[in-house]
Amino acid sequence: MKRLKELREQKQITQAQLSACLKISPSTIGMYEQCRREPDNEILIKLADFFNVSTDYLLDRTDIQNSQQTIAAHKTDDPMNELPEEAVKSIEDFKKYIYQKHGIKYD
């Protein structure tokens, strides 16, 4: 998973920090980055959520990082644009809550 190391370095976190967030060993992160081991589906999803990218992006199956970019590529008129600012803020607050509840850093 060559992109794992790139994403981790972009966030400026160590393998140890990432492993603590995912509750796996730092050596496992190292093995993923060196393509010596593949994450199971649960860890793959956690990695995608942590870095806010798609699993396909992590697996190098696409250059589109996340579903928001995919949606933007297929849909020009987003209903979110019609929501009042207060509603959009509520959605963002809920997203932060869900990330925190699952121990994932939210930027």
PDB file of N, CA and C in Angstrom:
ATOM      1  N   MET A   1       0.847  -1.184   0.000  1.00  0.00           N
ATOM      2  CA  MET A   1       0.000   0.000   0.000  1.00  0.00           C
ATOM      3  C   MET A   1       0.885   1.237   0.000  1.00  0.00           C
ATOM      4  N   LYS A   2       1.403   1.546  -1.164  1.00  0.00           N
ATOM      5  CA  LYS A   2       2.327   2.679  -1.261  1.00  0.00           C
ATOM      6  C   LYS A   2       1.665   3.990  -0.848  1.00  0.00           C
ATOM      7  N   ARG A   3       0.373   4.091  -1.040  1.00  0.00           N
ATOM      8  CA  ARG A   3      -0.293   5.352  -0.708  1.00  0.00           C
ATOM      9  C   ARG A   3      -0.446   5.565   0.790  1.00  0.00           C
ATOM     10  N   LEU A   4      -0.402   4.497   1.546  1.00  0.00           N
ATOM     11  CA  LEU A   4      -0.529   4.623   2.997  1.00  0.00           C
ATOM     12  C   LEU A   4       0.587   5.495   3.552  1.00  0.00           C
ATOM     13  N   LYS A   5       1.799   5.223   3.154  1.00  0.00           N
ATOM     14  CA  LYS A   5       2.940   6.013   3.635  1.00  0.00           C
ATOM     15  C   LYS A   5       2.804   7.470   3.190  1.00  0.00           C
ATOM     16  N   GLU A   6       2.408   7.693   1.951  1.00  0.00           N
ATOM     17  CA  GLU A   6       2.229   9.059   1.448  1.00  0.00           C
ATOM     18  C   GLU A   6       1.194   9.812   2.279  1.00  0.00           C
ATOM     19  N   LEU A   7       0.060   9.171   2.532  1.00  0.00           N
ATOM     20  CA  LEU A   7      -1.005   9.809   3.304  1.00  0.00           C
ATOM     21  C   LEU A   7      -0.561  10.082   4.737  1.00  0.00           C
ATOM     22  N   ARG A   8       0.131   9.115   5.325  1.00  0.00           N
ATOM     23  CA  ARG A   8       0.611   9.277   6.702  1.00  0.00           C
ATOM     24  C   ARG A   8       1.593  10.443   6.793  1.00  0.00           C
ATOM     25  N   GLU A   9       2.502  10.529   5.839  1.00  0.00           N
ATOM     26  CA  GLU A   9       3.483  11.616   5.843  1.00  0.00           C
ATOM     27  C   GLU A   9       2.825  12.969   5.579  1.00  0.00           C
ATOM     28  N   GLN A  10       1.803  12.993   4.737  1.00  0.00           N
ATOM     29  CA  GLN A  10       1.070  14.246   4.500  1.00  0.00           C
ATOM     30  C   GLN A  10       0.433  14.754   5.789  1.00  0.00           C
ATOM     31  N   LYS A  11      -0.071  13.836   6.614  1.00  0.00           N
ATOM     32  CA  LYS A  11      -0.679  14.215   7.897  1.00  0.00           C
ATOM     33  C   LYS A  11       0.369  14.458   8.970  1.00  0.00           C
ATOM     34  N   GLN A  12       1.616  14.179   8.643  1.00  0.00           N
ATOM     35  CA  GLN A  12       2.743  14.357   9.549  1.00  0.00           C
ATOM     36  C   GLN A  12       2.553  13.583  10.851  1.00  0.00           C
ATOM     37  N   ILE A  13       2.229  12.301  10.690  1.00  0.00           N
ATOM     38  CA  ILE A  13       2.126  11.425  11.851  1.00  0.00           C
ATOM     39  C   ILE A  13       3.055  10.234  11.668  1.00  0.00           C
ATOM     40  N   THR A  14       3.485   9.681  12.780  1.00  0.00           N
ATOM     41  CA  THR A  14       4.384   8.538  12.741  1.00  0.00           C
ATOM     42  C   THR A  14       3.584   7.248  12.611  1.00  0.00           C
ATOM     43  N   GLN A  15       4.307   6.173  12.302  1.00  0.00           N
ATOM     44  CA  GLN A  15       3.663   4.869  12.261  1.00  0.00           C
ATOM     45  C   GLN A  15       3.081   4.530  13.634  1.00  0.00           C
ATOM     46  N   ALA A  16       3.802   4.901  14.684  1.00  0.00           N
ATOM     47  CA  ALA A  16       3.333   4.626  16.047  1.00  0.00           C
ATOM     48  C   ALA A  16       2.036   5.381  16.351  1.00  0.00           C
ATOM     49  N   GLN A  17       1.958   6.627  15.924  1.00  0.00           N
ATOM     50  CA  GLN A  17       0.740   7.412  16.161  1.00  0.00           C
ATOM     51  C   GLN A  17      -0.443   6.812  15.409  1.00  0.00           C
ATOM     52  N   LEU A  18      -0.216   6.438  14.156  1.00  0.00           N
ATOM     53  CA  LEU A  18      -1.288   5.843  13.368  1.00  0.00           C
ATOM     54  C   LEU A  18      -1.712   4.505  13.967  1.00  0.00           C
ATOM     55  N   SER A  19      -0.743   3.718  14.373  1.00  0.00           N
ATOM     56  CA  SER A  19      -1.074   2.405  14.938  1.00  0.00           C
ATOM     57  C   SER A  19      -1.877   2.549  16.225  1.00  0.00           C
ATOM     58  N   ALA A  20      -1.581   3.569  17.032  1.00  0.00           N
ATOM     59  CA  ALA A  20      -2.338   3.801  18.262  1.00  0.00           C
ATOM     60  C   ALA A  20      -3.792   4.144  17.943  1.00  0.00           C
ATOM     61  N   CYS A  21      -4.009   4.947  16.909  1.00  0.00           N
ATOM     62  CA  CYS A  21      -5.380   5.308  16.512  1.00  0.00           C
ATOM     63  C   CYS A  21      -6.159   4.094  16.037  1.00  0.00           C
ATOM     64  N   LEU A  22      -5.471   3.180  15.370  1.00  0.00           N
ATOM     65  CA  LEU A  22      -6.132   2.008  14.796  1.00  0.00           C
ATOM     66  C   LEU A  22      -6.114   0.799  15.726  1.00  0.00           C
ATOM     67  N   LYS A  23      -5.366   0.948  16.839  1.00  0.00           N
ATOM     68  CA  LYS A  23      -5.237  -0.137  17.819  1.00  0.00           C
ATOM     69  C   LYS A  23      -4.598  -1.393  17.208  1.00  0.00           C
ATOM     70  N   ILE A  24      -3.516  -1.149  16.454  1.00  0.00           N
ATOM     71  CA  ILE A  24      -2.703  -2.236  15.902  1.00  0.00           C
ATOM     72  C   ILE A  24      -1.243  -1.879  16.163  1.00  0.00           C
ATOM     73  N   SER A  25      -0.337  -2.802  15.932  1.00  0.00           N
ATOM     74  CA  SER A  25       1.067  -2.544  16.243  1.00  0.00           C
ATOM     75  C   SER A  25       1.728  -1.666  15.177  1.00  0.00           C
ATOM     76  N   PRO A  26       2.735  -0.872  15.594  1.00  0.00           N
ATOM     77  CA  PRO A  26       3.471  -0.058  14.623  1.00  0.00           C
ATOM     78  C   PRO A  26       4.137  -0.913  13.541  1.00  0.00           C
ATOM     79  N   SER A  27       4.599  -2.104  13.901  1.00  0.00           N
ATOM     80  CA  SER A  27       5.248  -2.956  12.903  1.00  0.00           C
ATOM     81  C   SER A  27       4.254  -3.389  11.823  1.00  0.00           C
ATOM     82  N   THR A  28       2.975  -3.515  12.187  1.00  0.00           N
ATOM     83  CA  THR A  28       1.958  -3.867  11.195  1.00  0.00           C
ATOM     84  C   THR A  28       1.817  -2.744  10.180  1.00  0.00           C
ATOM     85  N   ILE A  29       1.821  -1.498  10.663  1.00  0.00           N
ATOM     86  CA  ILE A  29       1.765  -0.349   9.744  1.00  0.00           C
ATOM     87  C   ILE A  29       2.966  -0.399   8.807  1.00  0.00           C
ATOM     88  N   GLY A  30       4.146  -0.668   9.369  1.00  0.00           N
ATOM     89  CA  GLY A  30       5.351  -0.766   8.556  1.00  0.00           C
ATOM     90  C   GLY A  30       5.241  -1.842   7.481  1.00  0.00           C
ATOM     91  N   MET A  31       4.669  -2.976   7.853  1.00  0.00           N
ATOM     92  CA  MET A  31       4.511  -4.059   6.872  1.00  0.00           C
ATOM     93  C   MET A  31       3.520  -3.668   5.775  1.00  0.00           C
ATOM     94  N   TYR A  32       2.454  -2.944   6.151  1.00  0.00           N
ATOM     95  CA  TYR A  32       1.502  -2.465   5.130  1.00  0.00           C
ATOM     96  C   TYR A  32       2.216  -1.539   4.151  1.00  0.00           C
ATOM     97  N   GLU A  33       3.011  -0.614   4.700  1.00  0.00           N
ATOM     98  CA  GLU A  33       3.703   0.371   3.857  1.00  0.00           C
ATOM     99  C   GLU A  33       4.742  -0.277   2.953  1.00  0.00           C
ATOM    100  N   GLN A  34       5.323  -1.372   3.394  1.00  0.00           N
ATOM    101  CA  GLN A  34       6.342  -2.071   2.603  1.00  0.00           C
ATOM    102  C   GLN A  34       5.728  -3.147   1.697  1.00  0.00           C
ATOM    103  N   CYS A  35       4.404  -3.223   1.690  1.00  0.00           N
ATOM    104  CA  CYS A  35       3.675  -4.226   0.895  1.00  0.00           C
ATOM    105  C   CYS A  35       4.055  -5.650   1.281  1.00  0.00           C
ATOM    106  N   ARG A  36       4.421  -5.842   2.536  1.00  0.00           N
ATOM    107  CA  ARG A  36       4.736  -7.179   3.033  1.00  0.00           C
ATOM    108  C   ARG A  36       3.521  -7.835   3.671  1.00  0.00           C
ATOM    109  N   ARG A  37       2.473  -7.033   3.850  1.00  0.00           N
ATOM    110  CA  ARG A  37       1.232  -7.524   4.447  1.00  0.00           C
ATOM    111  C   ARG A  37       0.089  -6.636   3.973  1.00  0.00           C
ATOM    112  N   GLU A  38      -1.094  -7.221   3.818  1.00  0.00           N
ATOM    113  CA  GLU A  38      -2.282  -6.474   3.406  1.00  0.00           C
ATOM    114  C   GLU A  38      -3.250  -6.366   4.583  1.00  0.00           C
ATOM    115  N   PRO A  39      -3.856  -5.206   4.779  1.00  0.00           N
ATOM    116  CA  PRO A  39      -4.825  -5.078   5.870  1.00  0.00           C
ATOM    117  C   PRO A  39      -6.103  -5.847   5.556  1.00  0.00           C
ATOM    118  N   ASP A  40      -6.757  -6.334   6.610  1.00  0.00           N
ATOM    119  CA  ASP A  40      -8.060  -6.958   6.386  1.00  0.00           C
ATOM    120  C   ASP A  40      -9.080  -5.851   6.111  1.00  0.00           C
ATOM    121  N   ASN A  41     -10.282  -6.229   5.770  1.00  0.00           N
ATOM    122  CA  ASN A  41     -11.298  -5.241   5.390  1.00  0.00           C
ATOM    123  C   ASN A  41     -11.591  -4.233   6.497  1.00  0.00           C
ATOM    124  N   GLU A  42     -11.634  -4.698   7.735  1.00  0.00           N
ATOM    125  CA  GLU A  42     -11.924  -3.794   8.857  1.00  0.00           C
ATOM    126  C   GLU A  42     -10.866  -2.708   8.977  1.00  0.00           C
ATOM    127  N   ILE A  43      -9.605  -3.090   8.905  1.00  0.00           N
ATOM    128  CA  ILE A  43      -8.511  -2.114   9.002  1.00  0.00           C
ATOM    129  C   ILE A  43      -8.476  -1.227   7.766  1.00  0.00           C
ATOM    130  N   LEU A  44      -8.731  -1.796   6.609  1.00  0.00           N
ATOM    131  CA  LEU A  44      -8.756  -1.006   5.378  1.00  0.00           C
ATOM    132  C   LEU A  44      -9.798   0.107   5.480  1.00  0.00           C
ATOM    133  N   ILE A  45     -10.958  -0.212   6.001  1.00  0.00           N
ATOM    134  CA  ILE A  45     -12.025   0.785   6.167  1.00  0.00           C
ATOM    135  C   ILE A  45     -11.605   1.832   7.197  1.00  0.00           C
ATOM    136  N   LYS A  46     -10.990   1.407   8.282  1.00  0.00           N
ATOM    137  CA  LYS A  46     -10.520   2.362   9.297  1.00  0.00           C
ATOM    138  C   LYS A  46      -9.479   3.311   8.708  1.00  0.00           C
ATOM    139  N   LEU A  47      -8.578   2.763   7.900  1.00  0.00           N
ATOM    140  CA  LEU A  47      -7.570   3.611   7.251  1.00  0.00           C
ATOM    141  C   LEU A  47      -8.228   4.625   6.312  1.00  0.00           C
ATOM    142  N   ALA A  48      -9.175   4.155   5.527  1.00  0.00           N
ATOM    143  CA  ALA A  48      -9.871   5.051   4.595  1.00  0.00           C
ATOM    144  C   ALA A  48     -10.600   6.155   5.366  1.00  0.00           C
ATOM    145  N   ASP A  49     -11.273   5.786   6.445  1.00  0.00           N
ATOM    146  CA  ASP A  49     -11.973   6.787   7.263  1.00  0.00           C
ATOM    147  C   ASP A  49     -10.988   7.766   7.893  1.00  0.00           C
ATOM    148  N   PHE A  50      -9.897   7.245   8.418  1.00  0.00           N
ATOM    149  CA  PHE A  50      -8.904   8.087   9.077  1.00  0.00           C
ATOM    150  C   PHE A  50      -8.345   9.141   8.126  1.00  0.00           C
ATOM    151  N   PHE A  51      -8.028   8.717   6.910  1.00  0.00           N
ATOM    152  CA  PHE A  51      -7.416   9.632   5.945  1.00  0.00           C
ATOM    153  C   PHE A  51      -8.440  10.313   5.036  1.00  0.00           C
ATOM    154  N   ASN A  52      -9.715   9.993   5.237  1.00  0.00           N
ATOM    155  CA  ASN A  52     -10.795  10.574   4.430  1.00  0.00           C
ATOM    156  C   ASN A  52     -10.571  10.331   2.936  1.00  0.00           C
ATOM    157  N   VAL A  53     -10.255   9.075   2.639  1.00  0.00           N
ATOM    158  CA  VAL A  53     -10.082   8.655   1.247  1.00  0.00           C
ATOM    159  C   VAL A  53     -10.901   7.389   1.037  1.00  0.00           C
ATOM    160  N   SER A  54     -11.068   7.009  -0.205  1.00  0.00           N
ATOM    161  CA  SER A  54     -11.787   5.767  -0.504  1.00  0.00           C
ATOM    162  C   SER A  54     -10.840   4.578  -0.347  1.00  0.00           C
ATOM    163  N   THR A  55     -11.431   3.417  -0.126  1.00  0.00           N
ATOM    164  CA  THR A  55     -10.614   2.202  -0.079  1.00  0.00           C
ATOM    165  C   THR A  55      -9.974   1.954  -1.447  1.00  0.00           C
ATOM    166  N   ASP A  56     -10.676   2.293  -2.505  1.00  0.00           N
ATOM    167  CA  ASP A  56     -10.098   2.141  -3.849  1.00  0.00           C
ATOM    168  C   ASP A  56      -8.851   3.006  -4.008  1.00  0.00           C
ATOM    169  N   TYR A  57      -8.862   4.203  -3.434  1.00  0.00           N
ATOM    170  CA  TYR A  57      -7.685   5.069  -3.508  1.00  0.00           C
ATOM    171  C   TYR A  57      -6.524   4.427  -2.749  1.00  0.00           C
ATOM    172  N   LEU A  58      -6.803   3.913  -1.549  1.00  0.00           N
ATOM    173  CA  LEU A  58      -5.752   3.263  -0.767  1.00  0.00           C
ATOM    174  C   LEU A  58      -5.160   2.070  -1.515  1.00  0.00           C
ATOM    175  N   LEU A  59      -6.017   1.346  -2.217  1.00  0.00           N
ATOM    176  CA  LEU A  59      -5.567   0.155  -2.939  1.00  0.00           C
ATOM    177  C   LEU A  59      -5.009   0.479  -4.323  1.00  0.00           C
ATOM    178  N   ASP A  60      -4.904   1.782  -4.622  1.00  0.00           N
ATOM    179  CA  ASP A  60      -4.337   2.258  -5.887  1.00  0.00           C
ATOM    180  C   ASP A  60      -5.178   1.844  -7.097  1.00  0.00           C
ATOM    181  N   ARG A  61      -6.499   1.759  -6.876  1.00  0.00           N
ATOM    182  CA  ARG A  61      -7.408   1.404  -7.972  1.00  0.00           C
ATOM    183  C   ARG A  61      -7.988   2.644  -8.655  1.00  0.00           C
ATOM    184  N   THR A  62      -7.800   3.808  -8.029  1.00  0.00           N
ATOM    185  CA  THR A  62      -8.284   5.063  -8.593  1.00  0.00           C
ATOM    186  C   THR A  62      -7.408   6.194  -8.084  1.00  0.00           C
ATOM    187  N   ASP A  63      -7.425   7.299  -8.817  1.00  0.00           N
ATOM    188  CA  ASP A  63      -6.721   8.497  -8.372  1.00  0.00           C
ATOM    189  C   ASP A  63      -7.659   9.472  -7.675  1.00  0.00           C
ATOM    190  N   ILE A  64      -8.931   9.132  -7.614  1.00  0.00           N
ATOM    191  CA  ILE A  64      -9.904   9.963  -6.900  1.00  0.00           C
ATOM    192  C   ILE A  64      -9.825   9.590  -5.434  1.00  0.00           C
ATOM    193  N   GLN A  65      -9.495  10.564  -4.592  1.00  0.00           N
ATOM    194  CA  GLN A  65      -9.225  10.264  -3.187  1.00  0.00           C
ATOM    195  C   GLN A  65     -10.448   9.871  -2.376  1.00  0.00           C
ATOM    196  N   ASN A  66     -11.563  10.564  -2.584  1.00  0.00           N
ATOM    197  CA  ASN A  66     -12.708  10.253  -1.727  1.00  0.00           C
ATOM    198  C   ASN A  66     -14.021  10.338  -2.465  1.00  0.00           C
ATOM    199  N   SER A  67     -15.061   9.896  -1.795  1.00  0.00           N
ATOM    200  CA  SER A  67     -16.377   9.833  -2.431  1.00  0.00           C
ATOM    201  C   SER A  67     -16.903  11.211  -2.770  1.00  0.00           C
ATOM    202  N   GLN A  68     -16.513  12.233  -2.016  1.00  0.00           N
ATOM    203  CA  GLN A  68     -16.969  13.587  -2.343  1.00  0.00           C
ATOM    204  C   GLN A  68     -16.461  13.993  -3.720  1.00  0.00           C
ATOM    205  N   GLN A  69     -15.245  13.621  -4.048  1.00  0.00           N
ATOM    206  CA  GLN A  69     -14.723  13.922  -5.380  1.00  0.00           C
ATOM    207  C   GLN A  69     -15.459  13.113  -6.433  1.00  0.00           C
ATOM    208  N   THR A  70     -15.800  11.881  -6.104  1.00  0.00           N
ATOM    209  CA  THR A  70     -16.548  11.037  -7.035  1.00  0.00           C
ATOM    210  C   THR A  70     -17.915  11.639  -7.301  1.00  0.00           C
ATOM    211  N   ILE A  71     -18.589  12.048  -6.242  1.00  0.00           N
ATOM    212  CA  ILE A  71     -19.911  12.666  -6.389  1.00  0.00           C
ATOM    213  C   ILE A  71     -19.794  13.938  -7.217  1.00  0.00           C
ATOM    214  N   ALA A  72     -18.782  14.740  -6.935  1.00  0.00           N
ATOM    215  CA  ALA A  72     -18.604  15.984  -7.671  1.00  0.00           C
ATOM    216  C   ALA A  72     -18.375  15.718  -9.150  1.00  0.00           C
ATOM    217  N   ALA A  73     -17.713  14.619  -9.443  1.00  0.00           N
ATOM    218  CA  ALA A  73     -17.449  14.286 -10.840  1.00  0.00           C
ATOM    219  C   ALA A  73     -18.716  13.872 -11.581  1.00  0.00           C
ATOM    220  N   HIS A  74     -19.708  13.395 -10.836  1.00  0.00           N
ATOM    221  CA  HIS A  74     -20.933  12.895 -11.452  1.00  0.00           C
ATOM    222  C   HIS A  74     -22.142  13.814 -11.279  1.00  0.00           C
ATOM    223  N   LYS A  75     -22.039  14.756 -10.364  1.00  0.00           N
ATOM    224  CA  LYS A  75     -23.202  15.574 -10.035  1.00  0.00           C
ATOM    225  C   LYS A  75     -22.762  17.018  -9.811  1.00  0.00           C
ATOM    226  N   THR A  76     -23.346  17.920 -10.524  1.00  0.00           N
ATOM    227  CA  THR A  76     -22.923  19.310 -10.401  1.00  0.00           C
ATOM    228  C   THR A  76     -23.772  20.090  -9.404  1.00  0.00           C
ATOM    229  N   ASP A  77     -25.050  19.771  -9.282  1.00  0.00           N
ATOM    230  CA  ASP A  77     -25.901  20.524  -8.360  1.00  0.00           C
ATOM    231  C   ASP A  77     -26.102  19.725  -7.072  1.00  0.00           C
ATOM    232  N   ASP A  78     -25.315  20.086  -6.072  1.00  0.00           N
ATOM    233  CA  ASP A  78     -25.331  19.413  -4.781  1.00  0.00           C
ATOM    234  C   ASP A  78     -26.466  19.987  -3.931  1.00  0.00           C
ATOM    235  N   PRO A  79     -27.366  19.141  -3.397  1.00  0.00           N
ATOM    236  CA  PRO A  79     -28.447  19.644  -2.559  1.00  0.00           C
ATOM    237  C   PRO A  79     -27.937  20.328  -1.293  1.00  0.00           C
ATOM    238  N   MET A  80     -26.698  20.035  -0.886  1.00  0.00           N
ATOM    239  CA  MET A  80     -26.120  20.716   0.278  1.00  0.00           C
ATOM    240  C   MET A  80     -26.048  22.216   0.046  1.00  0.00           C
ATOM    241  N   ASN A  81     -25.909  22.618  -1.225  1.00  0.00           N
ATOM    242  CA  ASN A  81     -25.842  24.047  -1.532  1.00  0.00           C
ATOM    243  C   ASN A  81     -27.157  24.764  -1.226  1.00  0.00           C
ATOM    244  N   GLU A  82     -28.237  24.001  -1.162  1.00  0.00           N
ATOM    245  CA  GLU A  82     -29.540  24.594  -0.903  1.00  0.00           C
ATOM    246  C   GLU A  82     -29.862  24.679   0.584  1.00  0.00           C
ATOM    247  N   LEU A  83     -29.062  24.017   1.409  1.00  0.00           N
ATOM    248  CA  LEU A  83     -29.316  24.034   2.841  1.00  0.00           C
ATOM    249  C   LEU A  83     -28.864  25.348   3.458  1.00  0.00           C
ATOM    250  N   PRO A  84     -29.566  25.792   4.492  1.00  0.00           N
ATOM    251  CA  PRO A  84     -29.089  26.989   5.192  1.00  0.00           C
ATOM    252  C   PRO A  84     -27.762  26.688   5.893  1.00  0.00           C
ATOM    253  N   GLU A  85     -27.002  27.718   6.129  1.00  0.00           N
ATOM    254  CA  GLU A  85     -25.678  27.573   6.740  1.00  0.00           C
ATOM    255  C   GLU A  85     -25.752  26.829   8.068  1.00  0.00           C
ATOM    256  N   GLU A  86     -26.792  27.075   8.834  1.00  0.00           N
ATOM    257  CA  GLU A  86     -26.969  26.414  10.128  1.00  0.00           C
ATOM    258  C   GLU A  86     -27.101  24.889   9.962  1.00  0.00           C
ATOM    259  N   ALA A  87     -27.804  24.449   8.935  1.00  0.00           N
ATOM    260  CA  ALA A  87     -27.975  23.018   8.685  1.00  0.00           C
ATOM    261  C   ALA A  87     -26.648  22.376   8.281  1.00  0.00           C
ATOM    262  N   VAL A  88     -25.875  23.061   7.450  1.00  0.00           N
ATOM    263  CA  VAL A  88     -24.575  22.548   7.034  1.00  0.00           C
ATOM    264  C   VAL A  88     -23.660  22.424   8.251  1.00  0.00           C
ATOM    265  N   LYS A  89     -23.703  23.413   9.148  1.00  0.00           N
ATOM    266  CA  LYS A  89     -22.896  23.362  10.373  1.00  0.00           C
ATOM    267  C   LYS A  89     -23.319  22.184  11.241  1.00  0.00           C
ATOM    268  N   SER A  90     -24.611  21.921  11.326  1.00  0.00           N
ATOM    269  CA  SER A  90     -25.100  20.781  12.111  1.00  0.00           C
ATOM    270  C   SER A  90     -24.573  19.460  11.546  1.00  0.00           C
ATOM    271  N   ILE A  91     -24.540  19.349  10.234  1.00  0.00           N
ATOM    272  CA  ILE A  91     -24.021  18.145   9.593  1.00  0.00           C
ATOM    273  C   ILE A  91     -22.533  17.985   9.920  1.00  0.00           C
ATOM    274  N   GLU A  92     -21.772  19.061   9.813  1.00  0.00           N
ATOM    275  CA  GLU A  92     -20.346  19.010  10.126  1.00  0.00           C
ATOM    276  C   GLU A  92     -20.120  18.651  11.590  1.00  0.00           C
ATOM    277  N   ASP A  93     -20.924  19.219  12.503  1.00  0.00           N
ATOM    278  CA  ASP A  93     -20.811  18.897  13.926  1.00  0.00           C
ATOM    279  C   ASP A  93     -21.093  17.421  14.177  1.00  0.00           C
ATOM    280  N   PHE A  94     -22.074  16.870  13.471  1.00  0.00           N
ATOM    281  CA  PHE A  94     -22.405  15.460  13.627  1.00  0.00           C
ATOM    282  C   PHE A  94     -21.260  14.581  13.120  1.00  0.00           C
ATOM    283  N   LYS A  95     -20.675  14.972  11.993  1.00  0.00           N
ATOM    284  CA  LYS A  95     -19.531  14.228  11.467  1.00  0.00           C
ATOM    285  C   LYS A  95     -18.396  14.205  12.489  1.00  0.00           C
ATOM    286  N   LYS A  96     -18.097  15.352  13.102  1.00  0.00           N
ATOM    287  CA  LYS A  96     -17.043  15.418  14.113  1.00  0.00           C
ATOM    288  C   LYS A  96     -17.359  14.483  15.277  1.00  0.00           C
ATOM    289  N   TYR A  97     -18.616  14.483  15.702  1.00  0.00           N
ATOM    290  CA  TYR A  97     -19.048  13.618  16.800  1.00  0.00           C
ATOM    291  C   TYR A  97     -18.807  12.147  16.459  1.00  0.00           C
ATOM    292  N   ILE A  98     -19.192  11.726  15.265  1.00  0.00           N
ATOM    293  CA  ILE A  98     -19.030  10.329  14.852  1.00  0.00           C
ATOM    294  C   ILE A  98     -17.547   9.957  14.803  1.00  0.00           C
ATOM    295  N   TYR A  99     -16.726  10.832  14.239  1.00  0.00           N
ATOM    296  CA  TYR A  99     -15.292  10.551  14.188  1.00  0.00           C
ATOM    297  C   TYR A  99     -14.720  10.404  15.590  1.00  0.00           C
ATOM    298  N   GLN A 100     -15.055  11.336  16.489  1.00  0.00           N
ATOM    299  CA  GLN A 100     -14.559  11.281  17.853  1.00  0.00           C
ATOM    300  C   GLN A 100     -15.052  10.035  18.571  1.00  0.00           C
ATOM    301  N   LYS A 101     -16.297   9.673  18.353  1.00  0.00           N
ATOM    302  CA  LYS A 101     -16.876   8.494  18.992  1.00  0.00           C
ATOM    303  C   LYS A 101     -16.098   7.239  18.621  1.00  0.00           C
ATOM    304  N   HIS A 102     -15.568   7.206  17.411  1.00  0.00           N
ATOM    305  CA  HIS A 102     -14.839   6.042  16.935  1.00  0.00           C
ATOM    306  C   HIS A 102     -13.322   6.232  17.031  1.00  0.00           C
ATOM    307  N   GLY A 103     -12.898   7.279  17.740  1.00  0.00           N
ATOM    308  CA  GLY A 103     -11.477   7.474  17.991  1.00  0.00           C
ATOM    309  C   GLY A 103     -10.669   7.869  16.787  1.00  0.00           C
ATOM    310  N   ILE A 104     -11.314   8.540  15.835  1.00  0.00           N
ATOM    311  CA  ILE A 104     -10.628   8.943  14.607  1.00  0.00           C
ATOM    312  C   ILE A 104     -10.450  10.458  14.621  1.00  0.00           C
ATOM    313  N   LYS A 105      -9.244  10.899  14.340  1.00  0.00           N
ATOM    314  CA  LYS A 105      -8.969  12.332  14.308  1.00  0.00           C
ATOM    315  C   LYS A 105      -9.722  12.968  13.156  1.00  0.00           C
ATOM    316  N   TYR A 106     -10.371  14.086  13.417  1.00  0.00           N
ATOM    317  CA  TYR A 106     -11.142  14.792  12.390  1.00  0.00           C
ATOM    318  C   TYR A 106     -10.518  16.157  12.191  1.00  0.00           C
ATOM    319  N   ASP A 107     -10.159  16.471  10.940  1.00  0.00           N
ATOM    320  CA  ASP A 107      -9.548  17.786  10.641  1.00  0.00           C
ATOM    321  C   ASP A 107     -10.578  18.773  10.218  1.00  0.00           C
TER     322      ASP A 107
END
